[in-house]
């Protein structure tokens, strides 16, 4: 039961389960990660430098 001192979280629907919210968040993160990797691979194949971190963890920005 909700009381005035314990209001519902406005960021999450009242009927959403925490596992479902987590699953949706992870699904969105995976989709973004895959899109970033695809863009990096495409740039690598085209011979363009990709800014960001290299495989050794160092930055490409010189």
Foldseek 3Di string as FASTA:
>chain_A
DDDPVRDDDPVDDPPDDPVNVVVVVVVVVVVVVVVVVVVVVVCVVVVHDDFDADPVRDTPPD
